[in-house]
Amino acid sequence: MTVPAYNEERLIEGTLRRLAGQTDRGFGLVVVDNGSTDATARIVREFADRHPELTLHLIAEPRKGTGAAADTGMRHAIAQGATHLARTDADCLPHPGWIAAVKRAFADGLEMVSGPLRPRTDEFPLAWWERRLLPAVLATAAFAGRLRPGNRGPAYLGPYVVMPGCNLAISAALYERAGGFPRTAIEEVHEDRALVNRVRTLTTAYGLRKDVIVYGSVRRLRAYGLLRTVAWYADHRYTPEVVDVR
């Protein structure tokens, strides 16, 4: 279980609490500090001290980028003997049954799985319509992705699906066969899309499960607005001066 983190002192403890409270605790946790300049690393260390029952490794990746940090964490887990990998982000709250749902998907034969990304309701006061914005953005991205020429072609064995990096699990064997997350910054490449497309050239054993649920931050949606957020996810047709919204 990998969590890349950059300057997440405000939210990461909530993510760690949610992971420590999973109904299935049969997993190890790797937090990758991606060059944070705030108290992120200290908060993780203190949390580990308070929760000795949780196998938690804090490692560092100085090369800035969600892809680089996530890949470092995944490969650290593989080196420690992990046969299956999962990732969420340090501003997200996995459903309490998230790990259990991921394991069920693997047991059913999937080699890569994702599921719904729903908005957090604890971060900002949200109107009822705002609670529908994040799913709407993802649905729009999924539709546009199926039409995008780069996601189509005879090399792909199965259909294009959106698998957000903050809600993604994959077997270690497939991760290595696919080359892993590209070691890039978020403004360069959507590393989750790149991994999905690599996997699509190798197998059809991937898919979405309704019970693999993660609640994500809406801070980017708040900062960019709906149309610019859609443009951001559509190959960075909109890229702000400040990408790391905090």
Protein backbone atom coordinates (compact mmCIF):
# COMPACT_ATOMS: atom_id res chain seq x y z
CA MET A 1 0.00 0.00 0.00
CA THR A 2 1.66 3.20 -1.20
CA VAL A 3 0.85 6.83 -0.37
CA PRO A 4 2.89 9.53 -2.14
CA ALA A 5 2.88 12.79 -0.17
CA TYR A 6 4.04 16.34 -0.82
CA ASN A 7 3.33 19.08 1.75
CA GLU A 8 0.27 17.31 3.11
CA GLU A 9 0.54 18.26 6.77
CA ARG A 10 -3.11 19.34 6.81
CA LEU A 11 -4.65 16.14 5.46
CA ILE A 12 -2.29 13.19 5.71
CA GLU A 13 -3.17 12.19 9.27
CA GLY A 14 -6.78 11.67 8.19
CA THR A 15 -5.57 9.38 5.40
CA LEU A 16 -3.40 7.42 7.82
CA ARG A 17 -6.25 7.07 10.32
CA ARG A 18 -8.54 5.74 7.61
CA LEU A 19 -5.93 3.19 6.52
CA ALA A 20 -5.26 2.12 10.09
CA GLY A 21 -9.01 1.62 10.51
CA GLN A 22 -9.52 -0.67 7.51
CA THR A 23 -11.69 -3.72 8.14
CA ASP A 24 -8.91 -5.81 6.58
CA ARG A 25 -5.59 -4.89 8.14
CA GLY A 26 -3.53 -7.44 6.29
CA PHE A 27 -1.29 -4.99 4.47
CA GLY A 28 1.88 -2.95 4.83
CA LEU A 29 1.99 0.80 4.25
CA VAL A 30 4.68 2.80 2.46
CA VAL A 31 4.47 6.60 2.68
CA VAL A 32 6.75 8.37 0.20
CA ASP A 33 7.77 11.87 1.25
CA ASN A 34 8.23 13.67 -2.07
CA GLY A 35 10.46 16.50 -0.86
CA SER A 36 7.98 18.06 1.55
CA THR A 37 8.99 21.34 3.18
CA ASP A 38 6.31 21.22 5.88
CA ALA A 39 5.57 18.81 8.75
CA THR A 40 4.39 15.90 6.59
CA ALA A 41 7.26 13.54 7.47
CA ARG A 42 7.06 14.35 11.19
CA ILE A 43 3.32 13.67 11.26
CA VAL A 44 3.87 10.30 9.59
CA ARG A 45 6.63 9.33 12.04
CA GLU A 46 4.53 10.34 15.03
CA PHE A 47 1.56 8.41 13.68
CA ALA A 48 3.74 5.32 13.24
CA ASP A 49 4.93 5.64 16.85
CA ARG A 50 1.33 5.75 18.08
CA HIS A 51 0.29 2.78 15.93
CA PRO A 52 2.93 0.06 16.31
CA GLU A 53 0.39 -2.49 15.08
CA LEU A 54 0.59 -0.88 11.62
CA THR A 55 3.52 -1.87 9.40
CA LEU A 56 4.47 1.60 8.17
CA HIS A 57 7.59 2.56 6.23
CA LEU A 58 8.42 6.23 5.59
CA ILE A 59 10.80 6.64 2.67
CA ALA A 60 11.95 9.64 0.63
CA GLU A 61 11.87 10.42 -3.09
CA PRO A 62 13.59 13.75 -3.78
CA ARG A 63 12.64 13.80 -7.45
CA LYS A 64 9.48 15.88 -7.52
CA GLY A 65 6.47 14.22 -9.10
CA THR A 66 3.49 12.06 -8.26
CA GLY A 67 4.62 9.48 -10.80
CA ALA A 68 8.15 9.36 -9.42
CA ALA A 69 7.00 9.15 -5.81
CA ALA A 70 4.33 6.53 -6.49
CA ASP A 71 6.76 4.39 -8.48
CA THR A 72 9.35 4.58 -5.72
CA GLY A 73 6.76 3.41 -3.20
CA MET A 74 5.51 0.58 -5.39
CA ARG A 75 9.00 -0.70 -6.08
CA HIS A 76 9.92 -0.46 -2.40
CA ALA A 77 6.89 -2.62 -1.60
CA ILE A 78 7.89 -5.16 -4.25
CA ALA A 79 11.42 -5.31 -2.82
CA GLN A 80 9.86 -6.06 0.59
CA GLY A 81 8.01 -9.03 -0.92
CA ALA A 82 4.63 -7.54 -1.87
CA THR A 83 2.76 -9.53 -4.53
CA HIS A 84 -0.11 -7.04 -4.85
CA LEU A 85 0.04 -3.25 -4.73
CA ALA A 86 -2.43 -0.47 -4.03
CA ARG A 87 -2.16 3.30 -4.06
CA THR A 88 -4.11 6.16 -2.62
CA ASP A 89 -3.01 9.77 -2.11
CA ALA A 90 -2.31 11.79 1.00
CA ASP A 91 -5.40 13.96 0.56
CA CYS A 92 -7.80 11.01 0.23
CA LEU A 93 -9.94 8.89 2.53
CA PRO A 94 -10.34 5.27 1.39
CA HIS A 95 -13.63 3.64 2.39
CA PRO A 96 -13.16 1.48 5.52
CA GLY A 97 -13.74 -1.62 3.38
CA TRP A 98 -11.40 -0.49 0.58
CA ILE A 99 -8.60 -3.01 1.18
CA ALA A 100 -11.10 -5.84 1.56
CA ALA A 101 -12.81 -4.85 -1.70
CA VAL A 102 -9.48 -4.70 -3.54
CA LYS A 103 -8.60 -8.19 -2.31
CA ARG A 104 -11.95 -9.53 -3.49
CA ALA A 105 -11.29 -8.11 -6.94
CA PHE A 106 -7.90 -9.81 -7.07
CA ALA A 107 -9.44 -13.08 -5.88
CA ASP A 108 -11.94 -12.84 -8.74
CA GLY A 109 -9.12 -12.75 -11.26
CA LEU A 110 -8.53 -9.05 -11.89
CA GLU A 111 -4.92 -7.94 -12.08
CA MET A 112 -5.69 -4.21 -11.90
CA VAL A 113 -8.73 -2.59 -10.34
CA SER A 114 -10.16 0.81 -9.51
CA GLY A 115 -13.53 2.17 -8.52
CA PRO A 116 -15.55 5.27 -7.66
CA LEU A 117 -13.82 8.47 -6.60
CA ARG A 118 -16.26 10.45 -4.50
CA PRO A 119 -15.80 13.91 -2.96
CA ARG A 120 -14.74 14.33 0.64
CA THR A 121 -17.40 16.07 2.67
CA ASP A 122 -15.20 16.92 5.68
CA GLU A 123 -12.75 19.24 3.93
CA PHE A 124 -15.10 22.07 2.86
CA PRO A 125 -18.81 22.69 3.37
CA LEU A 126 -20.34 21.30 0.18
CA ALA A 127 -23.69 22.15 -1.34
CA TRP A 128 -25.67 19.20 -2.72
CA TRP A 129 -24.73 20.11 -6.29
CA GLU A 130 -21.03 20.35 -5.41
CA ARG A 131 -21.12 16.75 -4.19
CA ARG A 132 -21.97 15.76 -7.75
CA LEU A 133 -19.21 17.76 -9.41
CA LEU A 134 -16.29 15.38 -8.85
CA PRO A 135 -18.15 12.32 -10.20
CA ALA A 136 -19.34 14.46 -13.11
CA VAL A 137 -15.77 15.52 -13.91
CA LEU A 138 -14.61 11.91 -13.88
CA ALA A 139 -17.54 10.79 -16.02
CA THR A 140 -16.71 13.53 -18.53
CA ALA A 141 -13.05 12.52 -18.51
CA ALA A 142 -14.01 8.88 -19.05
CA PHE A 143 -16.22 9.75 -22.02
CA ALA A 144 -13.59 12.01 -23.56
CA GLY A 145 -10.93 9.40 -22.93
CA ARG A 146 -12.79 6.77 -24.90
CA LEU A 147 -12.87 9.15 -27.87
CA ARG A 148 -9.27 10.34 -27.60
CA PRO A 149 -7.18 8.93 -30.50
CA GLY A 150 -4.27 8.15 -28.19
CA ASN A 151 -6.45 5.78 -26.17
CA ARG A 152 -7.60 3.86 -29.23
CA GLY A 153 -5.87 1.49 -31.60
CA PRO A 154 -5.18 -2.15 -32.43
CA ALA A 155 -2.46 -2.49 -29.79
CA TYR A 156 -5.02 -2.23 -27.00
CA LEU A 157 -6.59 -5.51 -25.91
CA GLY A 158 -9.44 -3.96 -23.95
CA PRO A 159 -11.43 -0.74 -23.58
CA TYR A 160 -10.16 2.48 -22.08
CA VAL A 161 -11.23 3.09 -18.48
CA VAL A 162 -10.43 5.86 -16.03
CA MET A 163 -8.51 4.59 -13.03
CA PRO A 164 -7.50 7.51 -10.77
CA GLY A 165 -4.07 7.06 -9.26
CA CYS A 166 -5.52 7.71 -5.81
CA ASN A 167 -7.75 4.64 -6.19
CA LEU A 168 -5.76 2.00 -8.00
CA ALA A 169 -4.52 -1.50 -7.21
CA ILE A 170 -2.45 -3.82 -9.37
CA SER A 171 -0.56 -7.09 -9.06
CA ALA A 172 3.18 -6.66 -8.59
CA ALA A 173 3.86 -8.91 -11.59
CA LEU A 174 1.69 -6.80 -13.90
CA TYR A 175 3.12 -3.57 -12.51
CA GLU A 176 6.62 -4.68 -13.42
CA ARG A 177 5.57 -6.04 -16.84
CA ALA A 178 3.91 -2.69 -17.63
CA GLY A 179 6.94 -0.69 -16.53
CA GLY A 180 5.21 0.95 -13.58
CA PHE A 181 4.14 4.54 -13.19
CA PRO A 182 6.19 6.88 -15.40
CA ARG A 183 8.57 8.80 -13.17
CA THR A 184 7.13 12.20 -14.02
CA ALA A 185 5.60 15.25 -12.41
CA ILE A 186 1.82 15.58 -12.43
CA GLU A 187 1.93 18.54 -14.83
CA GLU A 188 3.94 16.49 -17.34
CA VAL A 189 1.96 13.26 -17.66
CA HIS A 190 -1.13 11.80 -16.03
CA GLU A 191 0.78 8.83 -14.67
CA ASP A 192 -2.35 6.80 -13.94
CA ARG A 193 -3.55 7.07 -17.54
CA ALA A 194 -0.10 6.11 -18.82
CA LEU A 195 -0.07 3.00 -16.64
CA VAL A 196 -3.60 2.02 -17.67
CA ASN A 197 -2.69 2.26 -21.34
CA ARG A 198 0.44 0.17 -20.85
CA VAL A 199 -1.62 -2.48 -19.08
CA ARG A 200 -4.19 -2.46 -21.88
CA THR A 201 -1.49 -3.69 -24.28
CA LEU A 202 -0.76 -6.67 -22.02
CA THR A 203 -4.05 -8.01 -20.64
CA THR A 204 -7.80 -7.63 -20.36
CA ALA A 205 -7.77 -8.58 -16.67
CA TYR A 206 -8.52 -5.07 -15.42
CA GLY A 207 -11.73 -3.33 -14.46
CA LEU A 208 -13.82 -1.18 -12.16
CA ARG A 209 -15.57 -2.35 -9.00
CA LYS A 210 -18.34 -0.36 -7.32
CA ASP A 211 -17.14 -1.30 -3.82
CA VAL A 212 -13.56 -0.05 -4.35
CA ILE A 213 -14.33 3.45 -3.09
CA VAL A 214 -12.07 6.39 -2.24
CA TYR A 215 -13.14 9.87 -1.15
CA GLY A 216 -10.97 12.53 -2.75
CA SER A 217 -10.18 16.16 -2.07
CA VAL A 218 -12.14 18.77 -4.00
CA ARG A 219 -9.50 21.47 -3.54
CA ARG A 220 -8.36 21.35 -7.18
CA LEU A 221 -11.98 21.58 -8.32
CA ARG A 222 -12.47 24.56 -5.99
CA ALA A 223 -9.30 26.26 -7.23
CA TYR A 224 -9.71 25.63 -10.97
CA GLY A 225 -13.48 25.62 -11.41
CA LEU A 226 -15.43 22.96 -13.29
CA LEU A 227 -14.40 23.71 -16.88
CA ARG A 228 -10.72 24.20 -16.10
CA THR A 229 -10.67 21.01 -14.02
CA VAL A 230 -12.12 19.07 -16.95
CA ALA A 231 -9.49 20.69 -19.21
CA TRP A 232 -6.75 19.75 -16.74
CA TYR A 233 -7.72 16.10 -16.86
CA ALA A 234 -8.04 16.28 -20.66
CA ASP A 235 -4.30 16.19 -21.36
CA HIS A 236 -3.52 19.39 -19.45
CA ARG A 237 -5.33 21.64 -21.84
CA TYR A 238 -5.41 23.91 -18.81
CA THR A 239 -2.32 24.10 -16.61
CA PRO A 240 -2.26 26.71 -13.83
CA GLU A 241 0.83 28.48 -12.59
CA VAL A 242 0.42 26.74 -9.23
CA VAL A 243 -0.27 23.03 -9.78
CA ASP A 244 0.13 21.86 -6.17
CA VAL A 245 -3.04 23.30 -4.67
CA ARG A 246 -2.81 23.34 -0.88
